[in-house]
């Protein structure tokens, strides 16, 4: 295979990886709506506050962190951005990332009863946790950013969640299919999420990372994403590396994730 043919095939796979999920989601939009409605009902059925728990859960996590770090430890930041504002603007996107990726690990198993013995568009299932989290966290981000930064920052908050969802798209498909064939990843993933949180400038600013560990911020794509989110909403410093590294990783994963899922799709039913 020549270099030209390889690049051509890689470009076509990347193109399919970007537009394929959205095309499938649009074609099966009514089914997706029913699955989202079913998922919300299942998660909140029988509770006193019903669907409101979907908003309460991230809010309670935020309150817990805030109480520990701002009230108990009394952490203060140098500069014009208060710690609480910086923390909330970073923590909400992080919770979105953690929720989407954690749910992607189990989505094929969770909905196995729908496609095990019937014709079903499996291709839309990794899209489900992403779409559900986007609907939830756009609401939470709009409220939070509106209170902290004012109404003028709300469009940027909405754009932030949408762009973050697009960036997470290949990871959803990749994790969904890998976790089905390599179940050990589900045992290791919670530890990975926790460690990544501590190595991402959410509880502290990038400048507070010890100089000898600054390389961690370069290798950690979540650190770049948080730098861009804080810069877009709060005007904190950023550089072009913060853009190039996550975009490069996204382009690297987009095509292979889609191709891998398609090739493994005929064997998914056999794994349940």
Protein backbone atom coordinates (compact mmCIF):
# COMPACT_ATOMS: atom_id res chain seq x y z
CA UNK A 1 0.00 0.00 0.00
CA UNK A 2 1.43 3.36 -1.03
CA UNK A 3 1.55 6.32 1.31
CA UNK A 4 -1.07 8.09 -0.81
CA UNK A 5 -3.51 5.18 -0.59
CA UNK A 6 -2.95 4.90 3.15
CA UNK A 7 -3.63 8.60 3.67
CA UNK A 8 -6.70 8.39 1.44
CA UNK A 9 -8.13 5.47 3.40
CA UNK A 10 -7.30 7.17 6.69
CA UNK A 11 -9.01 10.37 5.58
CA UNK A 12 -12.13 8.47 4.50
CA UNK A 13 -12.19 6.59 7.82
CA UNK A 14 -11.81 9.87 9.73
CA UNK A 15 -14.60 11.45 7.70
CA UNK A 16 -16.84 8.45 8.41
CA UNK A 17 -15.88 8.55 12.09
CA UNK A 18 -17.06 12.15 12.35
CA UNK A 19 -20.26 12.07 10.31
CA UNK A 20 -21.22 8.39 10.65
CA UNK A 21 -22.46 8.62 14.27
CA UNK A 22 -24.41 11.82 13.58
CA UNK A 23 -25.96 10.30 10.46
CA UNK A 24 -26.96 7.17 12.36
CA UNK A 25 -28.32 9.28 15.24
CA UNK A 26 -30.40 11.37 12.84
CA UNK A 27 -31.76 8.32 11.00
CA UNK A 28 -32.78 6.71 14.29
CA UNK A 29 -33.60 9.92 16.16
CA UNK A 30 -37.03 8.69 17.25
CA UNK A 31 -35.52 5.52 18.69
CA UNK A 32 -32.82 7.56 20.44
CA UNK A 33 -35.49 9.77 21.99
CA UNK A 34 -37.33 6.70 23.28
CA UNK A 35 -34.10 5.23 24.69
CA UNK A 36 -33.24 8.49 26.46
CA UNK A 37 -36.75 8.72 27.88
CA UNK A 38 -36.57 5.07 29.00
CA UNK A 39 -33.16 5.60 30.57
CA UNK A 40 -34.27 8.67 32.53
CA UNK A 41 -37.41 6.91 33.72
CA UNK A 42 -35.43 3.83 34.81
CA UNK A 43 -32.89 5.88 36.74
CA UNK A 44 -35.42 8.08 38.56
CA UNK A 45 -38.50 5.87 38.83
CA UNK A 46 -40.03 5.76 42.29
CA UNK A 47 -38.03 8.70 43.65
CA UNK A 48 -39.60 11.69 45.31
CA UNK A 49 -38.00 14.32 43.06
CA UNK A 50 -38.17 12.27 39.85
CA UNK A 51 -36.20 13.62 36.87
CA UNK A 52 -34.81 16.46 38.98
CA UNK A 53 -32.34 13.96 40.48
CA UNK A 54 -30.41 14.08 37.21
CA UNK A 55 -29.61 17.72 38.03
CA UNK A 56 -29.24 17.15 41.77
CA UNK A 57 -26.55 14.47 41.41
CA UNK A 58 -23.83 16.64 39.79
CA UNK A 59 -24.92 19.55 42.00
CA UNK A 60 -24.40 17.49 45.17
CA UNK A 61 -20.96 16.37 44.00
CA UNK A 62 -20.00 19.98 43.36
CA UNK A 63 -21.27 21.06 46.79
CA UNK A 64 -19.26 18.31 48.48
CA UNK A 65 -16.01 19.33 46.77
CA UNK A 66 -16.71 23.00 47.39
CA UNK A 67 -17.33 22.44 51.11
CA UNK A 68 -14.07 20.51 51.50
CA UNK A 69 -11.84 22.78 49.47
CA UNK A 70 -13.28 26.24 50.11
CA UNK A 71 -14.85 25.99 53.57
CA UNK A 72 -12.67 23.38 55.32
CA UNK A 73 -9.28 23.78 53.60
CA UNK A 74 -9.88 27.43 52.62
CA UNK A 75 -7.90 27.19 49.38
CA UNK A 76 -7.25 30.55 47.74
CA UNK A 77 -5.91 31.35 44.27
CA UNK A 78 -3.57 34.15 43.27
CA UNK A 79 -4.96 36.42 40.59
CA UNK A 80 -8.38 37.73 39.71
CA UNK A 81 -10.29 34.42 39.39
CA UNK A 82 -11.73 33.23 42.73
CA UNK A 83 -11.10 29.58 43.58
CA UNK A 84 -14.79 28.65 43.71
CA UNK A 85 -15.46 30.12 40.26
CA UNK A 86 -12.40 28.42 38.76
CA UNK A 87 -13.28 25.11 40.40
CA UNK A 88 -16.93 25.06 39.32
CA UNK A 89 -16.19 26.00 35.70
CA UNK A 90 -13.67 23.15 35.49
CA UNK A 91 -15.44 20.52 37.57
CA UNK A 92 -18.70 20.48 35.64
CA UNK A 93 -17.04 19.61 32.28
CA UNK A 94 -14.93 17.05 34.13
CA UNK A 95 -18.05 15.39 35.53
CA UNK A 96 -19.46 15.30 31.99
CA UNK A 97 -16.28 13.60 30.74
CA UNK A 98 -16.27 11.08 33.58
CA UNK A 99 -19.98 10.28 33.19
CA UNK A 100 -19.80 9.83 29.43
CA UNK A 101 -16.69 7.63 29.46
CA UNK A 102 -17.82 5.51 32.42
CA UNK A 103 -21.22 4.92 30.85
CA UNK A 104 -19.63 4.11 27.48
CA UNK A 105 -17.88 1.15 29.09
CA UNK A 106 -21.18 -0.55 29.92
CA UNK A 107 -23.63 0.72 27.31
CA UNK A 108 -23.42 -2.33 25.02
CA UNK A 109 -23.92 -4.74 27.90
CA UNK A 110 -26.60 -2.59 29.50
CA UNK A 111 -28.77 -2.58 26.39
CA UNK A 112 -27.92 -6.11 25.30
CA UNK A 113 -31.50 -7.28 25.75
CA UNK A 114 -32.58 -4.91 22.95
CA UNK A 115 -30.37 -6.37 20.23
CA UNK A 116 -29.56 -9.91 21.38
CA UNK A 117 -32.45 -11.57 19.57
CA UNK A 118 -33.79 -8.81 17.32
CA UNK A 119 -32.67 -6.47 14.59
CA UNK A 120 -31.46 -3.29 16.25
CA UNK A 121 -29.15 -0.42 15.15
CA UNK A 122 -26.30 -1.15 17.58
CA UNK A 123 -24.33 1.68 16.00
CA UNK A 124 -26.35 4.31 17.90
CA UNK A 125 -25.78 2.87 21.39
CA UNK A 126 -22.39 4.53 22.10
CA UNK A 127 -24.04 7.81 21.10
CA UNK A 128 -26.66 7.42 23.84
CA UNK A 129 -24.59 8.27 26.99
CA UNK A 130 -23.03 11.19 25.13
CA UNK A 131 -26.37 12.68 24.10
CA UNK A 132 -27.94 12.16 27.52
CA UNK A 133 -25.02 13.82 29.34
CA UNK A 134 -24.95 16.75 26.91
CA UNK A 135 -28.64 17.46 27.54
CA UNK A 136 -28.07 17.33 31.29
CA UNK A 137 -24.81 19.26 31.55
CA UNK A 138 -25.77 22.01 29.13
CA UNK A 139 -28.54 22.86 31.57
CA UNK A 140 -26.20 22.74 34.58
CA UNK A 141 -23.46 24.73 32.81
CA UNK A 142 -25.87 27.43 31.66
CA UNK A 143 -27.15 27.94 35.20
CA UNK A 144 -23.67 27.89 36.76
CA UNK A 145 -21.96 30.12 34.20
CA UNK A 146 -24.90 32.50 34.16
CA UNK A 147 -24.64 32.96 37.93
CA UNK A 148 -20.83 33.18 38.10
CA UNK A 149 -19.92 35.01 34.89
CA UNK A 150 -23.15 36.68 33.82
CA UNK A 151 -25.57 36.08 30.92
CA UNK A 152 -23.01 37.15 28.30
CA UNK A 153 -20.95 34.01 29.00
CA UNK A 154 -23.86 31.57 28.50
CA UNK A 155 -23.37 31.09 24.71
CA UNK A 156 -19.73 30.17 25.33
CA UNK A 157 -20.82 27.67 28.01
CA UNK A 158 -23.20 25.99 25.55
CA UNK A 159 -20.53 25.91 22.84
CA UNK A 160 -18.06 24.43 25.33
CA UNK A 161 -20.32 21.48 26.12
CA UNK A 162 -21.06 20.84 22.43
CA UNK A 163 -17.39 20.91 21.39
CA UNK A 164 -16.46 18.72 24.33
CA UNK A 165 -19.10 16.19 23.26
CA UNK A 166 -17.71 16.13 19.71
CA UNK A 167 -14.21 15.55 21.12
CA UNK A 168 -15.48 12.66 23.26
CA UNK A 169 -17.25 10.96 20.33
CA UNK A 170 -14.43 8.61 19.20
CA UNK A 171 -13.65 7.69 22.81
CA UNK A 172 -17.28 6.61 23.30
CA UNK A 173 -17.12 4.16 20.40
CA UNK A 174 -13.62 2.99 21.29
CA UNK A 175 -14.37 2.31 24.95
CA UNK A 176 -17.72 0.68 24.18
CA UNK A 177 -16.21 -1.94 21.92
CA UNK A 178 -12.94 -2.49 23.82
CA UNK A 179 -14.69 -2.97 27.17
CA UNK A 180 -16.97 -5.61 25.65
CA UNK A 181 -14.01 -7.75 24.57
CA UNK A 182 -11.61 -6.74 27.37
CA UNK A 183 -13.69 -6.63 30.53
CA UNK A 184 -10.71 -5.86 32.78
CA UNK A 185 -10.78 -2.26 31.61
CA UNK A 186 -14.02 -1.75 33.55
CA UNK A 187 -12.22 -2.69 36.77
CA UNK A 188 -9.28 -0.36 36.13
CA UNK A 189 -11.18 2.61 34.73
CA UNK A 190 -12.48 4.16 38.01
CA UNK A 191 -8.88 4.33 39.29
CA UNK A 192 -7.76 5.92 36.00
CA UNK A 193 -10.52 8.55 36.22
CA UNK A 194 -9.57 9.43 39.81
CA UNK A 195 -5.86 9.76 39.02
CA UNK A 196 -6.58 11.85 35.93
CA UNK A 197 -8.72 14.21 38.04
CA UNK A 198 -5.80 14.83 40.39
CA UNK A 199 -3.44 15.41 37.44
CA UNK A 200 -5.80 17.88 35.76
CA UNK A 201 -5.80 21.59 36.76
CA UNK A 202 -9.27 21.71 38.28
CA UNK A 203 -8.49 21.70 41.99
CA UNK A 204 -5.48 23.94 41.28
CA UNK A 205 -4.20 26.20 38.51
CA UNK A 206 -1.63 24.92 35.95
CA UNK A 207 1.04 27.25 37.37
CA UNK A 208 0.71 25.53 40.76
CA UNK A 209 1.84 22.18 39.39
CA UNK A 210 5.48 21.61 40.52
CA UNK A 211 7.96 22.50 37.80
CA UNK A 212 9.39 18.97 37.65
CA UNK A 213 5.89 17.63 36.92
CA UNK A 214 4.83 20.13 34.26
CA UNK A 215 5.33 17.41 31.64
CA UNK A 216 2.20 15.72 33.04
CA UNK A 217 0.10 18.64 31.80
CA UNK A 218 1.51 18.14 28.30
CA UNK A 219 0.72 14.42 28.23
CA UNK A 220 -2.71 14.80 29.82
CA UNK A 221 -5.30 15.85 27.18
CA UNK A 222 -7.80 16.72 29.93
CA UNK A 223 -5.37 19.41 31.13
CA UNK A 224 -5.45 21.04 27.68
CA UNK A 225 -9.24 20.86 27.56
CA UNK A 226 -9.56 22.50 30.97
CA UNK A 227 -7.10 25.23 29.99
CA UNK A 228 -9.23 26.04 26.94
CA UNK A 229 -12.51 25.93 28.90
CA UNK A 230 -11.18 28.28 31.58
CA UNK A 231 -9.71 30.58 28.93
CA UNK A 232 -12.95 30.73 26.93
CA UNK A 233 -15.20 31.43 29.91
CA UNK A 234 -12.93 33.16 32.43
CA UNK A 235 -10.13 34.61 30.31
CA UNK A 236 -7.26 32.65 31.90
CA UNK A 237 -4.01 32.09 29.93
CA UNK A 238 -3.73 29.46 27.19
CA UNK A 239 -1.36 28.58 24.34
CA UNK A 240 -1.60 26.92 20.93
CA UNK A 241 -0.35 23.63 22.37
CA UNK A 242 -3.58 23.46 24.36
CA UNK A 243 -5.43 23.37 21.02
CA UNK A 244 -3.06 21.27 18.91
CA UNK A 245 -2.63 18.36 21.32
CA UNK A 246 -6.32 17.49 21.91
CA UNK A 247 -7.22 18.14 18.27
CA UNK A 248 -4.35 15.90 17.16
CA UNK A 249 -5.47 13.12 19.52
CA UNK A 250 -9.07 13.50 18.32
CA UNK A 251 -8.05 13.18 14.67
CA UNK A 252 -5.83 10.21 15.52
CA UNK A 253 -8.69 8.31 17.20
CA UNK A 254 -11.65 9.33 15.05
CA UNK A 255 -11.11 6.98 12.11
CA UNK A 256 -9.73 3.94 13.97
CA UNK A 257 -12.54 4.05 16.57
CA UNK A 258 -15.22 4.00 13.88
CA UNK A 259 -13.50 1.28 11.82
CA UNK A 260 -12.89 -0.90 14.89
CA UNK A 261 -16.52 -0.63 15.98
CA UNK A 262 -17.80 -1.50 12.50
CA UNK A 263 -15.53 -4.52 12.19
CA UNK A 264 -16.45 -5.80 15.65
CA UNK A 265 -20.17 -5.09 15.30
CA UNK A 266 -21.07 -8.53 13.79
CA UNK A 267 -19.50 -10.23 16.84
CA UNK A 268 -21.10 -8.07 19.55
CA UNK A 269 -24.10 -10.38 20.03
CA UNK A 270 -21.77 -13.33 20.50
CA UNK A 271 -20.07 -11.63 23.47
CA UNK A 272 -23.22 -11.37 25.60
